[in-house]
Amino acid sequence: MLGACGGEPSAPPQAALVVRIVDGDTLMLEGGIKVRVLGIDAPEMEKDGQPADFLAHQAKAALAELILNRTVSLSYDRLRYDHYGRLLAYLFLPDHTLVNTELVRRGLARVYFIAPNLRYQKDLLTAQQEAIEARRGIWRQMLKQDEPFYLGNRNTLRLHRPKCPLAANMAKANQVRFTSLKSAYLQGYSPCRSCKP
């Protein structure tokens, strides 16, 4: 997006009206700006013939309930856009509630950290730990273990099944072995999108 004076990118908005909810972690602002909610990953909606993930529709509905047709404040981290061109933002309600954390606390999203965007990592992880312990939302299903162990990458905070090709290519120094999914998720690891532990 270019500013009115030429080649400089225009500054992203500090506050904006939410006009559409795409899914549990993506929305549209007035003016056509697509936003990816930063630090979280909500269950995926149906796509390319694949069914929706568990609670995907509920996550989308919760995000709509919180922010649709409302003006939210946006806060940014070090990287402001993802490789799809979406604006990456933390969203705040007028009462200063961090929407990202609220979705995680309700069990309708999990943490999804990508360095260097880690400003609210502690708050998000605390909300996830609370949701896991209460077995809210997605945590009713995500803790079902079907492997004797899992491999985490301490650099990316991704969790893999033992036979995942991405785990096979991981440097030994970066590997963390987990015998429990719960333990990995309590520490802020997110499931690999290929092997889906």
C-alpha atoms as a PDB file:
ATOM      1  CA  MET A   1       0.000   0.000   0.000  1.00  0.00           C
ATOM      2  CA  LEU A   2       1.544   3.314  -1.025  1.00  0.00           C
ATOM      3  CA  GLY A   3       1.107   6.696   0.570  1.00  0.00           C
ATOM      4  CA  ALA A   4      -0.204   9.689  -1.318  1.00  0.00           C
ATOM      5  CA  CYS A   5       3.270  11.128  -1.881  1.00  0.00           C
ATOM      6  CA  GLY A   6       4.912   8.241  -3.700  1.00  0.00           C
ATOM      7  CA  GLY A   7       6.983   5.218  -2.840  1.00  0.00           C
ATOM      8  CA  GLU A   8       6.726   5.226   0.959  1.00  0.00           C
ATOM      9  CA  PRO A   9       4.259   2.718   2.462  1.00  0.00           C
ATOM     10  CA  SER A  10       1.391   4.446   4.218  1.00  0.00           C
ATOM     11  CA  ALA A  11       1.258   4.026   7.974  1.00  0.00           C
ATOM     12  CA  PRO A  12      -1.147   1.316   9.116  1.00  0.00           C
ATOM     13  CA  PRO A  13      -4.193   2.551  11.022  1.00  0.00           C
ATOM     14  CA  GLN A  14      -4.151   2.977  14.807  1.00  0.00           C
ATOM     15  CA  ALA A  15      -7.929   2.455  14.970  1.00  0.00           C
ATOM     16  CA  ALA A  16     -10.387   1.189  12.378  1.00  0.00           C
ATOM     17  CA  LEU A  17     -13.864  -0.200  11.830  1.00  0.00           C
ATOM     18  CA  VAL A  18     -14.076  -3.982  11.345  1.00  0.00           C
ATOM     19  CA  VAL A  19     -16.403  -4.656   8.392  1.00  0.00           C
ATOM     20  CA  ARG A  20     -16.015  -8.414   7.800  1.00  0.00           C
ATOM     21  CA  ILE A  21     -14.818 -11.520   9.612  1.00  0.00           C
ATOM     22  CA  VAL A  22     -13.091 -14.022   7.304  1.00  0.00           C
ATOM     23  CA  ASP A  23     -12.378 -16.686   9.932  1.00  0.00           C
ATOM     24  CA  GLY A  24     -11.332 -16.917  13.581  1.00  0.00           C
ATOM     25  CA  ASP A  25      -8.065 -15.047  13.034  1.00  0.00           C
ATOM     26  CA  THR A  26      -8.570 -12.962   9.880  1.00  0.00           C
ATOM     27  CA  LEU A  27     -10.747  -9.898   9.259  1.00  0.00           C
ATOM     28  CA  MET A  28     -11.292  -6.945   6.969  1.00  0.00           C
ATOM     29  CA  LEU A  29     -11.149  -3.319   8.013  1.00  0.00           C
ATOM     30  CA  GLU A  30     -12.981  -0.440   6.407  1.00  0.00           C
ATOM     31  CA  GLY A  31     -11.010   0.532   3.318  1.00  0.00           C
ATOM     32  CA  GLY A  32     -10.313  -3.082   2.330  1.00  0.00           C
ATOM     33  CA  ILE A  33      -7.364  -3.748   4.639  1.00  0.00           C
ATOM     34  CA  LYS A  34      -7.025  -7.457   5.449  1.00  0.00           C
ATOM     35  CA  VAL A  35      -5.732  -8.155   8.968  1.00  0.00           C
ATOM     36  CA  ARG A  36      -4.271 -11.339  10.425  1.00  0.00           C
ATOM     37  CA  VAL A  37      -4.711 -11.432  14.211  1.00  0.00           C
ATOM     38  CA  LEU A  38      -1.165 -11.654  15.553  1.00  0.00           C
ATOM     39  CA  GLY A  39       0.165 -14.371  17.866  1.00  0.00           C
ATOM     40  CA  ILE A  40      -2.727 -16.802  17.477  1.00  0.00           C
ATOM     41  CA  ASP A  41      -4.021 -19.508  15.168  1.00  0.00           C
ATOM     42  CA  ALA A  42      -7.736 -20.295  15.086  1.00  0.00           C
ATOM     43  CA  PRO A  43      -9.196 -23.527  13.684  1.00  0.00           C
ATOM     44  CA  GLU A  44      -9.353 -23.507   9.880  1.00  0.00           C
ATOM     45  CA  MET A  45     -12.626 -23.075   7.997  1.00  0.00           C
ATOM     46  CA  GLU A  46     -13.543 -25.510   5.214  1.00  0.00           C
ATOM     47  CA  LYS A  47     -11.296 -25.052   2.203  1.00  0.00           C
ATOM     48  CA  ASP A  48     -10.441 -26.895  -1.013  1.00  0.00           C
ATOM     49  CA  GLY A  49     -12.900 -29.691  -0.235  1.00  0.00           C
ATOM     50  CA  GLN A  50     -11.555 -30.182   3.298  1.00  0.00           C
ATOM     51  CA  PRO A  51     -14.023 -29.939   6.183  1.00  0.00           C
ATOM     52  CA  ALA A  52     -13.709 -27.215   8.796  1.00  0.00           C
ATOM     53  CA  ASP A  53     -11.564 -27.926  11.844  1.00  0.00           C
ATOM     54  CA  PHE A  54     -13.212 -28.535  15.219  1.00  0.00           C
ATOM     55  CA  LEU A  55     -14.791 -25.270  16.460  1.00  0.00           C
ATOM     56  CA  ALA A  56     -13.788 -23.235  13.373  1.00  0.00           C
ATOM     57  CA  HIS A  57     -17.275 -21.758  13.004  1.00  0.00           C
ATOM     58  CA  GLN A  58     -17.456 -20.987  16.725  1.00  0.00           C
ATOM     59  CA  ALA A  59     -14.089 -19.194  16.570  1.00  0.00           C
ATOM     60  CA  LYS A  60     -15.294 -17.082  13.645  1.00  0.00           C
ATOM     61  CA  ALA A  61     -18.551 -16.308  15.478  1.00  0.00           C
ATOM     62  CA  ALA A  62     -16.668 -15.326  18.650  1.00  0.00           C
ATOM     63  CA  LEU A  63     -14.425 -12.937  16.726  1.00  0.00           C
ATOM     64  CA  ALA A  64     -17.526 -11.438  15.086  1.00  0.00           C
ATOM     65  CA  GLU A  65     -19.247 -11.073  18.462  1.00  0.00           C
ATOM     66  CA  LEU A  66     -16.222  -9.232  19.840  1.00  0.00           C
ATOM     67  CA  ILE A  67     -15.388  -6.859  16.976  1.00  0.00           C
ATOM     68  CA  LEU A  68     -17.664  -6.948  13.894  1.00  0.00           C
ATOM     69  CA  ASN A  69     -19.048  -3.481  13.053  1.00  0.00           C
ATOM     70  CA  ARG A  70     -16.987  -1.999  15.887  1.00  0.00           C
ATOM     71  CA  THR A  71     -13.964   0.241  15.895  1.00  0.00           C
ATOM     72  CA  VAL A  72     -10.902  -1.458  17.367  1.00  0.00           C
ATOM     73  CA  SER A  73      -7.484  -0.115  18.260  1.00  0.00           C
ATOM     74  CA  LEU A  74      -4.609  -1.801  16.448  1.00  0.00           C
ATOM     75  CA  SER A  75      -1.120  -2.318  17.812  1.00  0.00           C
ATOM     76  CA  TYR A  76       1.807  -3.679  15.853  1.00  0.00           C
ATOM     77  CA  ASP A  77       4.969  -5.614  16.460  1.00  0.00           C
ATOM     78  CA  ARG A  78       8.277  -5.634  14.594  1.00  0.00           C
ATOM     79  CA  LEU A  79       6.997  -7.194  11.344  1.00  0.00           C
ATOM     80  CA  ARG A  80       3.810  -5.532  10.148  1.00  0.00           C
ATOM     81  CA  TYR A  81       2.876  -7.679   7.131  1.00  0.00           C
ATOM     82  CA  ASP A  82       2.962 -11.409   6.444  1.00  0.00           C
ATOM     83  CA  HIS A  83       3.987 -13.060   3.165  1.00  0.00           C
ATOM     84  CA  TYR A  84       0.344 -12.867   1.972  1.00  0.00           C
ATOM     85  CA  GLY A  85       0.355  -9.074   2.369  1.00  0.00           C
ATOM     86  CA  ARG A  86      -1.971  -9.132   5.381  1.00  0.00           C
ATOM     87  CA  LEU A  87      -1.487  -6.549   8.100  1.00  0.00           C
ATOM     88  CA  LEU A  88      -0.402  -8.262  11.351  1.00  0.00           C
ATOM     89  CA  ALA A  89      -2.004  -6.698  14.411  1.00  0.00           C
ATOM     90  CA  TYR A  90      -2.956  -7.000  18.033  1.00  0.00           C
ATOM     91  CA  LEU A  91      -6.554  -5.808  18.455  1.00  0.00           C
ATOM     92  CA  PHE A  92      -7.893  -3.952  21.467  1.00  0.00           C
ATOM     93  CA  LEU A  93     -11.489  -3.264  22.475  1.00  0.00           C
ATOM     94  CA  PRO A  94     -12.427   0.133  23.956  1.00  0.00           C
ATOM     95  CA  ASP A  95     -12.142  -1.399  27.466  1.00  0.00           C
ATOM     96  CA  HIS A  96      -8.495  -2.355  26.612  1.00  0.00           C
ATOM     97  CA  THR A  97      -9.248  -6.092  26.296  1.00  0.00           C
ATOM     98  CA  LEU A  98      -6.699  -7.713  23.985  1.00  0.00           C
ATOM     99  CA  VAL A  99      -8.909  -9.614  21.521  1.00  0.00           C
ATOM    100  CA  ASN A 100      -6.069 -11.994  20.591  1.00  0.00           C
ATOM    101  CA  THR A 101      -5.746 -13.119  24.216  1.00  0.00           C
ATOM    102  CA  GLU A 102      -9.510 -13.350  24.705  1.00  0.00           C
ATOM    103  CA  LEU A 103      -9.869 -15.851  21.833  1.00  0.00           C
ATOM    104  CA  VAL A 104      -7.051 -17.975  23.284  1.00  0.00           C
ATOM    105  CA  ARG A 105      -8.541 -17.792  26.795  1.00  0.00           C
ATOM    106  CA  ARG A 106     -11.890 -19.033  25.431  1.00  0.00           C
ATOM    107  CA  GLY A 107     -10.156 -22.011  23.812  1.00  0.00           C
ATOM    108  CA  LEU A 108     -11.090 -20.825  20.318  1.00  0.00           C
ATOM    109  CA  ALA A 109      -7.502 -20.253  19.179  1.00  0.00           C
ATOM    110  CA  ARG A 110      -4.051 -21.391  20.223  1.00  0.00           C
ATOM    111  CA  VAL A 111      -0.841 -19.431  20.430  1.00  0.00           C
ATOM    112  CA  TYR A 112       1.147 -19.190  17.219  1.00  0.00           C
ATOM    113  CA  PHE A 113       4.391 -17.338  17.730  1.00  0.00           C
ATOM    114  CA  ILE A 114       6.586 -16.203  14.871  1.00  0.00           C
ATOM    115  CA  ALA A 115       9.696 -14.263  15.841  1.00  0.00           C
ATOM    116  CA  PRO A 116      10.297 -11.381  16.042  1.00  0.00           C
ATOM    117  CA  ASN A 117       6.594 -10.660  16.734  1.00  0.00           C
ATOM    118  CA  LEU A 118       6.547 -11.683  20.389  1.00  0.00           C
ATOM    119  CA  ARG A 119       5.355  -8.559  22.235  1.00  0.00           C
ATOM    120  CA  TYR A 120       2.389 -10.243  23.959  1.00  0.00           C
ATOM    121  CA  GLN A 121       3.891 -13.744  24.134  1.00  0.00           C
ATOM    122  CA  LYS A 122       3.620 -13.985  27.925  1.00  0.00           C
ATOM    123  CA  ASP A 123      -0.018 -12.796  28.030  1.00  0.00           C
ATOM    124  CA  LEU A 124      -1.030 -15.132  25.214  1.00  0.00           C
ATOM    125  CA  LEU A 125       0.759 -18.107  26.763  1.00  0.00           C
ATOM    126  CA  THR A 126      -0.852 -17.457  30.157  1.00  0.00           C
ATOM    127  CA  ALA A 127      -4.284 -17.397  28.473  1.00  0.00           C
ATOM    128  CA  GLN A 128      -3.494 -20.672  26.684  1.00  0.00           C
ATOM    129  CA  GLN A 129      -2.344 -22.347  29.895  1.00  0.00           C
ATOM    130  CA  GLU A 130      -5.614 -21.303  31.544  1.00  0.00           C
ATOM    131  CA  ALA A 131      -7.670 -22.692  28.625  1.00  0.00           C
ATOM    132  CA  ILE A 132      -5.711 -25.972  28.583  1.00  0.00           C
ATOM    133  CA  GLU A 133      -6.112 -26.557  32.312  1.00  0.00           C
ATOM    134  CA  ALA A 134      -9.861 -25.850  32.039  1.00  0.00           C
ATOM    135  CA  ARG A 135     -10.090 -27.971  28.835  1.00  0.00           C
ATOM    136  CA  ARG A 136     -11.968 -25.159  27.092  1.00  0.00           C
ATOM    137  CA  GLY A 137     -12.850 -25.221  23.422  1.00  0.00           C
ATOM    138  CA  ILE A 138     -10.239 -26.801  21.155  1.00  0.00           C
ATOM    139  CA  TRP A 139      -8.420 -28.250  24.167  1.00  0.00           C
ATOM    140  CA  ARG A 140     -11.173 -30.857  24.566  1.00  0.00           C
ATOM    141  CA  GLN A 141      -9.737 -32.500  21.423  1.00  0.00           C
ATOM    142  CA  MET A 142      -6.184 -31.249  20.980  1.00  0.00           C
ATOM    143  CA  LEU A 143      -4.752 -33.161  23.919  1.00  0.00           C
ATOM    144  CA  LYS A 144      -5.572 -36.602  22.492  1.00  0.00           C
ATOM    145  CA  GLN A 145      -2.209 -38.268  22.141  1.00  0.00           C
ATOM    146  CA  ASP A 146      -1.535 -40.841  19.410  1.00  0.00           C
ATOM    147  CA  GLU A 147       2.278 -40.954  19.381  1.00  0.00           C
ATOM    148  CA  PRO A 148       4.699 -42.153  22.074  1.00  0.00           C
ATOM    149  CA  PHE A 149       6.500 -38.794  21.840  1.00  0.00           C
ATOM    150  CA  TYR A 150       6.661 -35.582  19.808  1.00  0.00           C
ATOM    151  CA  LEU A 151       9.562 -33.404  18.678  1.00  0.00           C
ATOM    152  CA  GLY A 152       9.557 -29.668  19.217  1.00  0.00           C
ATOM    153  CA  ASN A 153      11.783 -27.162  17.467  1.00  0.00           C
ATOM    154  CA  ARG A 154      13.015 -24.732  20.125  1.00  0.00           C
ATOM    155  CA  ASN A 155      13.749 -22.062  17.472  1.00  0.00           C
ATOM    156  CA  THR A 156      10.364 -22.046  15.732  1.00  0.00           C
ATOM    157  CA  LEU A 157       8.242 -23.388  18.617  1.00  0.00           C
ATOM    158  CA  ARG A 158       6.651 -25.914  16.225  1.00  0.00           C
ATOM    159  CA  LEU A 159       5.697 -29.398  17.355  1.00  0.00           C
ATOM    160  CA  HIS A 160       6.085 -32.417  15.071  1.00  0.00           C
ATOM    161  CA  ARG A 161       5.228 -36.091  14.959  1.00  0.00           C
ATOM    162  CA  PRO A 162       8.374 -38.257  15.163  1.00  0.00           C
ATOM    163  CA  LYS A 163       8.184 -39.245  11.468  1.00  0.00           C
ATOM    164  CA  CYS A 164       7.433 -35.774  10.094  1.00  0.00           C
ATOM    165  CA  PRO A 165       9.933 -34.866   7.328  1.00  0.00           C
ATOM    166  CA  LEU A 166      10.334 -31.426   8.896  1.00  0.00           C
ATOM    167  CA  ALA A 167      11.374 -33.063  12.171  1.00  0.00           C
ATOM    168  CA  ALA A 168      13.860 -35.275  10.328  1.00  0.00           C
ATOM    169  CA  ASN A 169      15.580 -32.168   8.943  1.00  0.00           C
ATOM    170  CA  MET A 170      15.700 -30.392  12.300  1.00  0.00           C
ATOM    171  CA  ALA A 171      19.142 -29.806  13.815  1.00  0.00           C
ATOM    172  CA  LYS A 172      19.637 -31.978  16.901  1.00  0.00           C
ATOM    173  CA  ALA A 173      20.533 -28.883  18.944  1.00  0.00           C
ATOM    174  CA  ASN A 174      17.056 -27.453  18.234  1.00  0.00           C
ATOM    175  CA  GLN A 175      15.118 -30.611  19.166  1.00  0.00           C
ATOM    176  CA  VAL A 176      13.059 -30.872  22.322  1.00  0.00           C
ATOM    177  CA  ARG A 177      11.415 -34.224  23.029  1.00  0.00           C
ATOM    178  CA  PHE A 178       7.946 -34.193  24.580  1.00  0.00           C
ATOM    179  CA  THR A 179       6.209 -37.293  25.912  1.00  0.00           C
ATOM    180  CA  SER A 180       3.036 -35.279  26.399  1.00  0.00           C
ATOM    181  CA  LEU A 181       1.163 -32.983  24.015  1.00  0.00           C
ATOM    182  CA  LYS A 182      -0.122 -31.049  26.999  1.00  0.00           C
ATOM    183  CA  SER A 183       3.404 -30.269  28.161  1.00  0.00           C
ATOM    184  CA  ALA A 184       4.357 -28.937  24.713  1.00  0.00           C
ATOM    185  CA  TYR A 185       1.248 -26.767  24.419  1.00  0.00           C
ATOM    186  CA  LEU A 186       1.669 -25.420  27.958  1.00  0.00           C
ATOM    187  CA  GLN A 187       5.123 -24.215  26.883  1.00  0.00           C
ATOM    188  CA  GLY A 188       3.762 -22.430  23.798  1.00  0.00           C
ATOM    189  CA  TYR A 189       4.575 -24.900  21.016  1.00  0.00           C
ATOM    190  CA  SER A 190       2.198 -24.932  18.034  1.00  0.00           C
ATOM    191  CA  PRO A 191       1.437 -27.978  15.882  1.00  0.00           C
ATOM    192  CA  CYS A 192       3.216 -28.377  12.560  1.00  0.00           C
ATOM    193  CA  ARG A 193       0.804 -27.643   9.723  1.00  0.00           C
ATOM    194  CA  SER A 194       2.059 -30.656   7.740  1.00  0.00           C
ATOM    195  CA  CYS A 195       1.975 -33.537  10.235  1.00  0.00           C
ATOM    196  CA  LYS A 196      -0.658 -31.990  12.559  1.00  0.00           C
ATOM    197  CA  PRO A 197       0.177 -33.656  15.882  1.00  0.00           C
END
